[in-house]
Amino acid sequence: MSGNFLTIPSDDSIQRRARSSSLTDLISAFDTKAQAHTDLQKITAFSGSFDKNHKPTFSKDEYGKPIPGSKTESRGAEAQARVCTEMKELCEIINQYGKSPCKGLLPPELQCATKVISFGELFTKRDDDVPVFLMQSIADIRSYCDNKALQARRSVSPMPN
């Protein structure tokens, strides 16, 4: 039979085009990621593709900070959270074992101290007799350290809120 016929594409050909389109999108996305990775390797000093002639440009806010979303950023945030937790624990120890300072003997800048303990009671080092003052209430310290640790963890969380 010959002649011009109006053909309506079958569901199979529509699905094939859709698959072809999604495959094209996947290939394009892969190529974009691969190119970004290649560009990153050129500025990463420890990669085999480091290009010493390539000078990366950073804004003032970006300088010295890890690439957002990188493992380095994640490790840094976790380290910051851990440091906040350890600082809180140290303040808890000072609060528990320290003594209330004699306010009359303190200089004006230490009048708000809540507890005092000698360095030697906390650590075994050469400055054993140096006093360590807790300058805020333990409730304020707990709140501050907990919030800082939470902010650090949320800063790299896939779902920050």
C-alpha atoms as a PDB file:
ATOM      1  CA  MET A   1       0.000   0.000   0.000  1.00  0.00           C
ATOM      2  CA  SER A   2       1.201   3.405  -0.784  1.00  0.00           C
ATOM      3  CA  GLY A   3      -0.028   6.775   0.154  1.00  0.00           C
ATOM      4  CA  ASN A   4       0.181   9.372   2.841  1.00  0.00           C
ATOM      5  CA  PHE A   5      -1.182   8.207   6.113  1.00  0.00           C
ATOM      6  CA  LEU A   6      -1.459  10.097   9.342  1.00  0.00           C
ATOM      7  CA  THR A   7       0.435   8.079  11.906  1.00  0.00           C
ATOM      8  CA  ILE A   8      -0.035   8.418  15.601  1.00  0.00           C
ATOM      9  CA  PRO A   9       3.039   7.430  17.549  1.00  0.00           C
ATOM     10  CA  SER A  10       2.543   4.375  19.649  1.00  0.00           C
ATOM     11  CA  ASP A  11       3.143   4.322  23.390  1.00  0.00           C
ATOM     12  CA  ASP A  12       6.369   2.387  22.759  1.00  0.00           C
ATOM     13  CA  SER A  13       7.927   5.126  20.626  1.00  0.00           C
ATOM     14  CA  ILE A  14       6.894   7.807  23.136  1.00  0.00           C
ATOM     15  CA  GLN A  15       8.466   5.831  25.954  1.00  0.00           C
ATOM     16  CA  ARG A  16      11.610   5.288  23.875  1.00  0.00           C
ATOM     17  CA  ARG A  17      11.895   9.035  23.279  1.00  0.00           C
ATOM     18  CA  ALA A  18      11.311   9.728  26.967  1.00  0.00           C
ATOM     19  CA  ARG A  19      13.997   7.191  27.889  1.00  0.00           C
ATOM     20  CA  SER A  20      16.296   8.666  25.276  1.00  0.00           C
ATOM     21  CA  SER A  21      15.658  12.143  26.661  1.00  0.00           C
ATOM     22  CA  SER A  22      16.270  11.053  30.246  1.00  0.00           C
ATOM     23  CA  LEU A  23      19.410   9.204  29.132  1.00  0.00           C
ATOM     24  CA  THR A  24      20.603  12.367  27.402  1.00  0.00           C
ATOM     25  CA  ASP A  25      19.926  14.300  30.601  1.00  0.00           C
ATOM     26  CA  LEU A  26      21.879  11.729  32.629  1.00  0.00           C
ATOM     27  CA  ILE A  27      24.810  11.865  30.239  1.00  0.00           C
ATOM     28  CA  SER A  28      24.776  15.652  30.336  1.00  0.00           C
ATOM     29  CA  ALA A  29      24.675  15.672  34.144  1.00  0.00           C
ATOM     30  CA  PHE A  30      27.543  13.166  34.273  1.00  0.00           C
ATOM     31  CA  ASP A  31      29.628  15.238  31.850  1.00  0.00           C
ATOM     32  CA  THR A  32      29.007  18.360  33.938  1.00  0.00           C
ATOM     33  CA  LYS A  33      30.075  16.568  37.127  1.00  0.00           C
ATOM     34  CA  ALA A  34      33.119  15.071  35.426  1.00  0.00           C
ATOM     35  CA  GLN A  35      34.220  18.494  34.161  1.00  0.00           C
ATOM     36  CA  ALA A  36      33.741  20.036  37.622  1.00  0.00           C
ATOM     37  CA  HIS A  37      35.837  17.228  39.104  1.00  0.00           C
ATOM     38  CA  THR A  38      38.575  17.760  36.500  1.00  0.00           C
ATOM     39  CA  ASP A  39      38.611  21.486  37.258  1.00  0.00           C
ATOM     40  CA  LEU A  40      38.805  20.769  40.990  1.00  0.00           C
ATOM     41  CA  GLN A  41      41.728  18.382  40.499  1.00  0.00           C
ATOM     42  CA  LYS A  42      43.672  21.151  38.745  1.00  0.00           C
ATOM     43  CA  ILE A  43      43.558  23.324  41.894  1.00  0.00           C
ATOM     44  CA  THR A  44      43.964  20.517  44.448  1.00  0.00           C
ATOM     45  CA  ALA A  45      47.642  20.367  45.367  1.00  0.00           C
ATOM     46  CA  PHE A  46      47.521  16.697  46.339  1.00  0.00           C
ATOM     47  CA  SER A  47      45.942  15.425  43.135  1.00  0.00           C
ATOM     48  CA  GLY A  48      47.889  13.941  40.261  1.00  0.00           C
ATOM     49  CA  SER A  49      46.397  16.580  37.946  1.00  0.00           C
ATOM     50  CA  PHE A  50      47.499  19.648  39.927  1.00  0.00           C
ATOM     51  CA  ASP A  51      48.291  22.575  37.654  1.00  0.00           C
ATOM     52  CA  LYS A  52      50.695  24.904  39.450  1.00  0.00           C
ATOM     53  CA  ASN A  53      50.112  27.586  36.823  1.00  0.00           C
ATOM     54  CA  HIS A  54      46.390  27.686  37.577  1.00  0.00           C
ATOM     55  CA  LYS A  55      45.714  30.383  40.154  1.00  0.00           C
ATOM     56  CA  PRO A  56      42.365  29.905  41.900  1.00  0.00           C
ATOM     57  CA  THR A  57      40.470  33.035  42.832  1.00  0.00           C
ATOM     58  CA  PHE A  58      38.670  33.331  46.124  1.00  0.00           C
ATOM     59  CA  SER A  59      36.545  36.013  47.668  1.00  0.00           C
ATOM     60  CA  LYS A  60      37.493  37.270  51.111  1.00  0.00           C
ATOM     61  CA  ASP A  61      34.779  35.096  52.663  1.00  0.00           C
ATOM     62  CA  GLU A  62      35.871  31.941  50.805  1.00  0.00           C
ATOM     63  CA  TYR A  63      39.608  32.243  51.471  1.00  0.00           C
ATOM     64  CA  GLY A  64      40.917  29.606  53.875  1.00  0.00           C
ATOM     65  CA  LYS A  65      37.597  27.762  54.020  1.00  0.00           C
ATOM     66  CA  PRO A  66      36.880  24.326  52.593  1.00  0.00           C
ATOM     67  CA  ILE A  67      34.756  23.851  49.511  1.00  0.00           C
ATOM     68  CA  PRO A  68      31.071  23.744  50.527  1.00  0.00           C
ATOM     69  CA  GLY A  69      29.767  20.193  50.645  1.00  0.00           C
ATOM     70  CA  SER A  70      33.251  18.661  50.785  1.00  0.00           C
ATOM     71  CA  LYS A  71      34.426  16.046  53.272  1.00  0.00           C
ATOM     72  CA  THR A  72      36.869  18.629  54.625  1.00  0.00           C
ATOM     73  CA  GLU A  73      33.997  20.950  55.474  1.00  0.00           C
ATOM     74  CA  SER A  74      32.133  18.104  57.145  1.00  0.00           C
ATOM     75  CA  ARG A  75      35.177  17.024  59.189  1.00  0.00           C
ATOM     76  CA  GLY A  76      35.810  20.636  60.234  1.00  0.00           C
ATOM     77  CA  ALA A  77      32.235  21.097  61.426  1.00  0.00           C
ATOM     78  CA  GLU A  78      32.387  17.837  63.386  1.00  0.00           C
ATOM     79  CA  ALA A  79      35.693  18.916  64.954  1.00  0.00           C
ATOM     80  CA  GLN A  80      34.176  22.268  65.934  1.00  0.00           C
ATOM     81  CA  ALA A  81      31.195  20.495  67.521  1.00  0.00           C
ATOM     82  CA  ARG A  82      33.559  18.156  69.407  1.00  0.00           C
ATOM     83  CA  VAL A  83      35.653  21.094  70.685  1.00  0.00           C
ATOM     84  CA  CYS A  84      32.491  22.840  71.945  1.00  0.00           C
ATOM     85  CA  THR A  85      31.465  19.668  73.767  1.00  0.00           C
ATOM     86  CA  GLU A  86      34.920  19.297  75.344  1.00  0.00           C
ATOM     87  CA  MET A  87      34.941  22.955  76.400  1.00  0.00           C
ATOM     88  CA  LYS A  88      31.586  22.453  78.064  1.00  0.00           C
ATOM     89  CA  GLU A  89      32.908  19.353  79.876  1.00  0.00           C
ATOM     90  CA  LEU A  90      35.931  21.308  81.130  1.00  0.00           C
ATOM     91  CA  CYS A  91      33.684  24.101  82.396  1.00  0.00           C
ATOM     92  CA  GLU A  92      31.483  21.487  84.096  1.00  0.00           C
ATOM     93  CA  ILE A  93      34.559  20.172  85.944  1.00  0.00           C
ATOM     94  CA  ILE A  94      35.591  23.694  86.975  1.00  0.00           C
ATOM     95  CA  ASN A  95      32.051  24.369  88.167  1.00  0.00           C
ATOM     96  CA  GLN A  96      31.891  21.098  90.126  1.00  0.00           C
ATOM     97  CA  TYR A  97      35.328  21.175  91.760  1.00  0.00           C
ATOM     98  CA  GLY A  98      36.105  24.903  91.787  1.00  0.00           C
ATOM     99  CA  LYS A  99      35.501  27.190  94.714  1.00  0.00           C
ATOM    100  CA  SER A 100      33.657  30.472  94.872  1.00  0.00           C
ATOM    101  CA  PRO A 101      36.251  33.243  94.563  1.00  0.00           C
ATOM    102  CA  CYS A 102      36.754  35.861  97.250  1.00  0.00           C
ATOM    103  CA  LYS A 103      35.399  38.869  95.347  1.00  0.00           C
ATOM    104  CA  GLY A 104      37.185  41.388  97.583  1.00  0.00           C
ATOM    105  CA  LEU A 105      40.600  40.099  96.538  1.00  0.00           C
ATOM    106  CA  LEU A 106      39.921  40.056  92.799  1.00  0.00           C
ATOM    107  CA  PRO A 107      40.770  42.832  90.334  1.00  0.00           C
ATOM    108  CA  PRO A 108      37.781  44.558  88.680  1.00  0.00           C
ATOM    109  CA  GLU A 109      38.004  42.493  85.477  1.00  0.00           C
ATOM    110  CA  LEU A 110      37.516  39.263  87.481  1.00  0.00           C
ATOM    111  CA  GLN A 111      34.671  40.457  89.710  1.00  0.00           C
ATOM    112  CA  CYS A 112      32.096  38.486  87.713  1.00  0.00           C
ATOM    113  CA  ALA A 113      33.964  35.170  88.138  1.00  0.00           C
ATOM    114  CA  THR A 114      31.692  32.420  89.432  1.00  0.00           C
ATOM    115  CA  LYS A 115      34.282  29.726  90.236  1.00  0.00           C
ATOM    116  CA  VAL A 116      38.056  29.402  90.522  1.00  0.00           C
ATOM    117  CA  ILE A 117      40.347  26.378  90.468  1.00  0.00           C
ATOM    118  CA  SER A 118      44.112  26.019  90.149  1.00  0.00           C
ATOM    119  CA  PHE A 119      45.511  24.862  86.845  1.00  0.00           C
ATOM    120  CA  GLY A 120      47.252  22.002  88.628  1.00  0.00           C
ATOM    121  CA  GLU A 121      43.922  20.592  89.786  1.00  0.00           C
ATOM    122  CA  LEU A 122      42.786  20.393  86.170  1.00  0.00           C
ATOM    123  CA  PHE A 123      46.017  19.374  84.439  1.00  0.00           C
ATOM    124  CA  THR A 124      49.413  18.146  85.575  1.00  0.00           C
ATOM    125  CA  LYS A 125      51.763  20.726  84.027  1.00  0.00           C
ATOM    126  CA  ARG A 126      54.267  23.377  84.997  1.00  0.00           C
ATOM    127  CA  ASP A 127      51.727  26.152  85.783  1.00  0.00           C
ATOM    128  CA  ASP A 128      50.068  24.260  88.638  1.00  0.00           C
ATOM    129  CA  ASP A 129      49.408  27.336  90.811  1.00  0.00           C
ATOM    130  CA  VAL A 130      47.862  29.555  88.123  1.00  0.00           C
ATOM    131  CA  PRO A 131      44.181  30.210  88.889  1.00  0.00           C
ATOM    132  CA  VAL A 132      41.561  29.390  86.247  1.00  0.00           C
ATOM    133  CA  PHE A 133      38.353  31.410  86.542  1.00  0.00           C
ATOM    134  CA  LEU A 134      34.905  30.524  85.270  1.00  0.00           C
ATOM    135  CA  MET A 135      33.531  33.876  84.115  1.00  0.00           C
ATOM    136  CA  GLN A 136      29.938  32.898  83.286  1.00  0.00           C
ATOM    137  CA  SER A 137      27.288  30.835  84.976  1.00  0.00           C
ATOM    138  CA  ILE A 138      27.375  27.151  84.090  1.00  0.00           C
ATOM    139  CA  ALA A 139      23.837  27.424  82.652  1.00  0.00           C
ATOM    140  CA  ASP A 140      24.985  30.134  80.211  1.00  0.00           C
ATOM    141  CA  ILE A 141      28.049  28.076  79.267  1.00  0.00           C
ATOM    142  CA  ARG A 142      25.965  24.951  78.660  1.00  0.00           C
ATOM    143  CA  SER A 143      23.521  26.855  76.495  1.00  0.00           C
ATOM    144  CA  TYR A 144      26.274  28.579  74.493  1.00  0.00           C
ATOM    145  CA  CYS A 145      28.322  25.410  73.888  1.00  0.00           C
ATOM    146  CA  ASP A 146      25.286  23.293  73.013  1.00  0.00           C
ATOM    147  CA  ASN A 147      24.089  25.922  70.507  1.00  0.00           C
ATOM    148  CA  LYS A 148      27.546  26.263  68.912  1.00  0.00           C
ATOM    149  CA  ALA A 149      27.886  22.469  68.555  1.00  0.00           C
ATOM    150  CA  LEU A 150      24.402  22.245  67.037  1.00  0.00           C
ATOM    151  CA  GLN A 151      25.116  25.093  64.608  1.00  0.00           C
ATOM    152  CA  ALA A 152      28.354  23.410  63.514  1.00  0.00           C
ATOM    153  CA  ARG A 153      26.598  20.109  62.845  1.00  0.00           C
ATOM    154  CA  ARG A 154      23.695  21.786  61.059  1.00  0.00           C
ATOM    155  CA  SER A 155      26.017  23.856  58.856  1.00  0.00           C
ATOM    156  CA  VAL A 156      26.932  20.727  56.898  1.00  0.00           C
ATOM    157  CA  SER A 157      23.738  18.746  57.349  1.00  0.00           C
ATOM    158  CA  PRO A 158      21.785  17.898  54.194  1.00  0.00           C
ATOM    159  CA  MET A 159      18.687  19.071  56.067  1.00  0.00           C
ATOM    160  CA  PRO A 160      19.944  22.019  58.194  1.00  0.00           C
ATOM    161  CA  ASN A 161      16.628  22.740  59.892  1.00  0.00           C
END
